[in-house]
C-alpha cells in the first residue's frame, strides 16, 4: 500500500474534484480524444453539448485541478489536457 503526504492527498483531492461531475468527465474525454490539437472553446461547447456559461464554470473547476490548459490562438482560446496531470490521475486509479 502506498502512503501519500498531506500535500499529495490535497493535490489528488483537487484533481478528483475537477473530475467530479458528468460534464467535466465529458470535457475530459473530448480533450483526451483531440490530444495536443485541443479544441476551441466554442467547438468544445458544441461537441459536449454544454452551454457556454456552464462550460466556463466547468473549465474553471478543471483548471483549478490542473487538468486543462488554455492557450490563445488569435482571437480563439484552445483547450488541451495537461497530460502530466491526466497521467497522474490514471496512475493513481490503477493502484
N, C-alpha and C. Protein backbone atom coordinates (compact mmCIF):
# COMPACT_ATOMS: atom_id res chain seq x y z
N UNK A 1 0.84 -1.17 0.00
CA UNK A 1 0.00 0.00 0.00
C UNK A 1 0.89 1.24 0.00
N UNK A 2 0.56 2.19 -0.86
CA UNK A 2 1.30 3.43 -0.94
C UNK A 2 0.79 4.41 0.10
N UNK A 3 1.72 5.17 0.66
CA UNK A 3 1.32 6.24 1.55
C UNK A 3 1.59 7.56 0.85
N UNK A 4 0.73 8.51 1.08
CA UNK A 4 0.84 9.81 0.44
C UNK A 4 0.94 10.88 1.51
N UNK A 5 1.72 11.90 1.22
CA UNK A 5 1.83 13.02 2.14
C UNK A 5 0.52 13.81 2.12
N UNK A 6 0.38 14.67 3.10
CA UNK A 6 -0.82 15.52 3.16
C UNK A 6 -0.92 16.35 1.88
N UNK A 7 0.18 16.89 1.42
CA UNK A 7 0.19 17.69 0.20
C UNK A 7 -0.25 16.88 -1.01
N UNK A 8 0.23 15.64 -1.11
CA UNK A 8 -0.16 14.78 -2.22
C UNK A 8 -1.64 14.44 -2.15
N UNK A 9 -2.13 14.19 -0.96
CA UNK A 9 -3.56 13.89 -0.81
C UNK A 9 -4.41 15.10 -1.18
N UNK A 10 -3.97 16.29 -0.79
CA UNK A 10 -4.69 17.51 -1.16
C UNK A 10 -4.71 17.70 -2.68
N UNK A 11 -3.57 17.43 -3.31
CA UNK A 11 -3.47 17.55 -4.76
C UNK A 11 -4.39 16.54 -5.46
N UNK A 12 -4.41 15.32 -4.96
CA UNK A 12 -5.30 14.31 -5.53
C UNK A 12 -6.76 14.66 -5.32
N UNK A 13 -7.09 15.23 -4.17
CA UNK A 13 -8.47 15.64 -3.91
C UNK A 13 -8.90 16.72 -4.90
N UNK A 14 -8.02 17.69 -5.17
CA UNK A 14 -8.33 18.73 -6.16
C UNK A 14 -8.50 18.13 -7.54
N UNK A 15 -7.65 17.19 -7.86
CA UNK A 15 -7.72 16.54 -9.16
C UNK A 15 -9.05 15.82 -9.34
N UNK A 16 -9.44 15.06 -8.34
CA UNK A 16 -10.68 14.30 -8.47
C UNK A 16 -11.91 15.18 -8.30
N UNK A 17 -11.77 16.29 -7.61
CA UNK A 17 -12.85 17.27 -7.57
C UNK A 17 -13.05 17.85 -8.97
N UNK A 18 -11.94 18.04 -9.68
CA UNK A 18 -12.00 18.56 -11.04
C UNK A 18 -12.71 17.61 -11.99
N UNK A 19 -12.75 16.33 -11.66
CA UNK A 19 -13.42 15.34 -12.50
C UNK A 19 -14.77 14.91 -11.92
N UNK A 20 -15.17 15.50 -10.80
CA UNK A 20 -16.32 15.02 -10.06
C UNK A 20 -17.68 15.43 -10.57
N UNK A 21 -17.85 15.57 -11.86
CA UNK A 21 -19.15 15.92 -12.43
C UNK A 21 -19.23 15.29 -13.83
N UNK A 22 -20.39 14.77 -14.21
CA UNK A 22 -20.51 14.12 -15.53
C UNK A 22 -20.11 15.02 -16.70
N UNK A 23 -20.39 16.31 -16.61
CA UNK A 23 -20.00 17.20 -17.71
C UNK A 23 -18.49 17.38 -17.76
N UNK A 24 -17.84 17.39 -16.61
CA UNK A 24 -16.38 17.50 -16.61
C UNK A 24 -15.74 16.23 -17.14
N UNK A 25 -16.36 15.10 -16.90
CA UNK A 25 -15.88 13.85 -17.49
C UNK A 25 -16.00 13.94 -19.01
N UNK A 26 -17.13 14.46 -19.51
CA UNK A 26 -17.32 14.61 -20.96
C UNK A 26 -16.27 15.54 -21.55
N UNK A 27 -15.98 16.62 -20.86
CA UNK A 27 -14.94 17.56 -21.33
C UNK A 27 -13.59 16.87 -21.35
N UNK A 28 -13.26 16.16 -20.28
CA UNK A 28 -12.00 15.43 -20.19
C UNK A 28 -11.86 14.46 -21.36
N UNK A 29 -12.90 13.68 -21.62
CA UNK A 29 -12.84 12.68 -22.69
C UNK A 29 -12.72 13.33 -24.07
N UNK A 30 -13.42 14.45 -24.27
CA UNK A 30 -13.33 15.16 -25.56
C UNK A 30 -11.91 15.67 -25.77
N UNK A 31 -11.32 16.25 -24.74
CA UNK A 31 -9.96 16.77 -24.88
C UNK A 31 -8.94 15.66 -24.99
N UNK A 32 -9.21 14.55 -24.32
CA UNK A 32 -8.33 13.39 -24.46
C UNK A 32 -8.33 12.88 -25.89
N UNK A 33 -9.49 12.87 -26.49
CA UNK A 33 -9.64 12.38 -27.86
C UNK A 33 -8.90 13.28 -28.86
N UNK A 34 -8.90 14.58 -28.63
CA UNK A 34 -8.27 15.50 -29.58
C UNK A 34 -6.77 15.64 -29.36
N UNK A 35 -6.28 15.19 -28.22
CA UNK A 35 -4.84 15.22 -27.96
C UNK A 35 -4.26 16.61 -27.95
N UNK A 36 -3.04 16.74 -28.49
CA UNK A 36 -2.32 18.01 -28.47
C UNK A 36 -2.99 19.08 -29.32
N UNK A 37 -3.82 18.66 -30.27
CA UNK A 37 -4.54 19.62 -31.11
C UNK A 37 -5.51 20.44 -30.29
N UNK A 38 -6.18 19.82 -29.33
CA UNK A 38 -7.13 20.51 -28.48
C UNK A 38 -8.39 20.94 -29.23
N UNK A 39 -9.20 21.71 -28.56
CA UNK A 39 -10.43 22.23 -29.13
C UNK A 39 -10.61 23.68 -28.74
N UNK A 40 -11.17 24.47 -29.66
CA UNK A 40 -11.53 25.84 -29.34
C UNK A 40 -12.71 25.80 -28.37
N UNK A 41 -12.82 26.84 -27.57
CA UNK A 41 -13.87 26.93 -26.56
C UNK A 41 -15.25 26.65 -27.15
N UNK A 42 -15.62 27.35 -28.21
CA UNK A 42 -16.93 27.18 -28.82
C UNK A 42 -17.14 25.78 -29.38
N UNK A 43 -16.09 25.22 -29.98
CA UNK A 43 -16.18 23.86 -30.53
C UNK A 43 -16.35 22.83 -29.41
N UNK A 44 -15.68 23.08 -28.29
CA UNK A 44 -15.82 22.17 -27.15
C UNK A 44 -17.24 22.22 -26.60
N UNK A 45 -17.81 23.41 -26.53
CA UNK A 45 -19.19 23.56 -26.05
C UNK A 45 -20.15 22.80 -26.96
N UNK A 46 -19.95 22.92 -28.26
CA UNK A 46 -20.80 22.22 -29.23
C UNK A 46 -20.60 20.72 -29.12
N UNK A 47 -19.37 20.28 -29.10
CA UNK A 47 -19.05 18.86 -29.05
C UNK A 47 -19.64 18.19 -27.82
N UNK A 48 -19.54 18.86 -26.68
CA UNK A 48 -20.03 18.29 -25.42
C UNK A 48 -21.50 18.63 -25.15
N UNK A 49 -22.09 19.43 -26.01
CA UNK A 49 -23.49 19.86 -25.85
C UNK A 49 -23.71 20.53 -24.49
N UNK A 50 -22.82 21.50 -24.22
CA UNK A 50 -22.87 22.25 -22.97
C UNK A 50 -22.97 23.73 -23.33
N UNK A 51 -23.88 24.44 -22.68
CA UNK A 51 -23.99 25.89 -22.88
C UNK A 51 -22.67 26.56 -22.47
N UNK A 52 -22.30 27.61 -23.18
CA UNK A 52 -21.01 28.25 -22.93
C UNK A 52 -20.83 28.74 -21.50
N UNK A 53 -21.85 29.35 -20.85
CA UNK A 53 -21.64 29.75 -19.45
C UNK A 53 -21.37 28.56 -18.53
N UNK A 54 -22.07 27.46 -18.77
CA UNK A 54 -21.85 26.24 -17.99
C UNK A 54 -20.47 25.67 -18.27
N UNK A 55 -20.06 25.67 -19.53
CA UNK A 55 -18.73 25.19 -19.89
C UNK A 55 -17.66 26.01 -19.18
N UNK A 56 -17.83 27.33 -19.16
CA UNK A 56 -16.85 28.19 -18.49
C UNK A 56 -16.71 27.81 -17.02
N UNK A 57 -17.82 27.53 -16.37
CA UNK A 57 -17.79 27.12 -14.96
C UNK A 57 -17.01 25.81 -14.80
N UNK A 58 -17.32 24.83 -15.63
CA UNK A 58 -16.66 23.52 -15.52
C UNK A 58 -15.16 23.63 -15.85
N UNK A 59 -14.82 24.45 -16.82
CA UNK A 59 -13.41 24.64 -17.16
C UNK A 59 -12.65 25.29 -16.01
N UNK A 60 -13.30 26.21 -15.31
CA UNK A 60 -12.68 26.84 -14.15
C UNK A 60 -12.33 25.79 -13.10
N UNK A 61 -13.25 24.87 -12.86
CA UNK A 61 -13.02 23.80 -11.89
C UNK A 61 -11.88 22.89 -12.36
N UNK A 62 -11.85 22.61 -13.64
CA UNK A 62 -10.82 21.72 -14.17
C UNK A 62 -9.45 22.39 -14.17
N UNK A 63 -9.41 23.70 -14.43
CA UNK A 63 -8.15 24.43 -14.36
C UNK A 63 -7.62 24.43 -12.93
N UNK A 64 -8.52 24.61 -11.97
CA UNK A 64 -8.13 24.61 -10.56
C UNK A 64 -7.48 23.28 -10.18
N UNK A 65 -7.98 22.18 -10.75
CA UNK A 65 -7.40 20.87 -10.51
C UNK A 65 -6.19 20.57 -11.38
N UNK A 66 -5.82 21.52 -12.22
CA UNK A 66 -4.63 21.36 -13.06
C UNK A 66 -4.82 20.44 -14.25
N UNK A 67 -6.07 20.12 -14.59
CA UNK A 67 -6.32 19.15 -15.67
C UNK A 67 -6.26 19.72 -17.07
N UNK A 68 -6.51 21.00 -17.22
CA UNK A 68 -6.54 21.55 -18.57
C UNK A 68 -5.65 22.78 -18.68
N UNK A 69 -5.31 23.05 -19.92
CA UNK A 69 -4.51 24.22 -20.25
C UNK A 69 -5.25 24.99 -21.32
N UNK A 70 -5.18 26.30 -21.25
CA UNK A 70 -5.80 27.16 -22.25
C UNK A 70 -4.71 28.00 -22.90
N UNK A 71 -4.73 28.04 -24.23
CA UNK A 71 -3.77 28.84 -24.98
C UNK A 71 -4.53 29.70 -25.96
N UNK A 72 -4.11 30.95 -26.07
CA UNK A 72 -4.73 31.85 -27.04
C UNK A 72 -4.10 31.65 -28.40
N UNK A 73 -4.95 31.50 -29.39
CA UNK A 73 -4.51 31.44 -30.79
C UNK A 73 -5.34 32.45 -31.55
N UNK A 74 -4.76 33.62 -31.77
CA UNK A 74 -5.51 34.71 -32.37
C UNK A 74 -6.59 35.15 -31.40
N UNK A 75 -7.83 35.17 -31.88
CA UNK A 75 -8.94 35.57 -31.01
C UNK A 75 -9.59 34.37 -30.33
N UNK A 76 -9.09 33.16 -30.60
CA UNK A 76 -9.69 31.95 -30.04
C UNK A 76 -8.87 31.44 -28.86
N UNK A 77 -9.54 30.73 -27.99
CA UNK A 77 -8.88 30.02 -26.89
C UNK A 77 -8.95 28.54 -27.19
N UNK A 78 -7.78 27.88 -27.23
CA UNK A 78 -7.71 26.45 -27.49
C UNK A 78 -7.40 25.74 -26.19
N UNK A 79 -8.20 24.74 -25.90
CA UNK A 79 -8.08 24.00 -24.65
C UNK A 79 -7.49 22.62 -24.91
N UNK A 80 -6.56 22.22 -24.06
CA UNK A 80 -5.96 20.89 -24.14
C UNK A 80 -5.86 20.32 -22.73
N UNK A 81 -5.67 19.02 -22.67
CA UNK A 81 -5.43 18.37 -21.38
C UNK A 81 -4.01 18.64 -20.94
N UNK A 82 -3.82 18.76 -19.65
CA UNK A 82 -2.49 18.77 -19.06
C UNK A 82 -2.13 17.29 -18.91
N UNK A 83 -1.35 16.79 -19.84
CA UNK A 83 -1.08 15.35 -19.89
C UNK A 83 -0.41 14.82 -18.63
N UNK A 84 0.46 15.60 -18.03
CA UNK A 84 1.14 15.14 -16.81
C UNK A 84 0.12 14.90 -15.70
N UNK A 85 -0.82 15.81 -15.56
CA UNK A 85 -1.84 15.66 -14.51
C UNK A 85 -2.80 14.52 -14.84
N UNK A 86 -3.15 14.37 -16.11
CA UNK A 86 -4.03 13.28 -16.52
C UNK A 86 -3.36 11.92 -16.28
N UNK A 87 -2.06 11.85 -16.55
CA UNK A 87 -1.32 10.61 -16.30
C UNK A 87 -1.24 10.30 -14.81
N UNK A 88 -1.12 11.35 -14.00
CA UNK A 88 -1.09 11.14 -12.54
C UNK A 88 -2.42 10.56 -12.07
N UNK A 89 -3.51 11.06 -12.60
CA UNK A 89 -4.83 10.53 -12.23
C UNK A 89 -4.94 9.07 -12.64
N UNK A 90 -4.49 8.77 -13.85
CA UNK A 90 -4.55 7.40 -14.34
C UNK A 90 -3.68 6.48 -13.48
N UNK A 91 -2.50 6.96 -13.11
CA UNK A 91 -1.59 6.16 -12.28
C UNK A 91 -2.24 5.89 -10.92
N UNK A 92 -2.86 6.90 -10.34
CA UNK A 92 -3.49 6.73 -9.04
C UNK A 92 -4.64 5.73 -9.14
N UNK A 93 -5.42 5.80 -10.21
CA UNK A 93 -6.56 4.90 -10.36
C UNK A 93 -6.14 3.46 -10.62
N UNK A 94 -4.94 3.26 -11.15
CA UNK A 94 -4.51 1.90 -11.47
C UNK A 94 -3.92 1.18 -10.26
N UNK A 95 -3.82 1.83 -9.13
CA UNK A 95 -3.26 1.18 -7.93
C UNK A 95 -4.20 0.15 -7.38
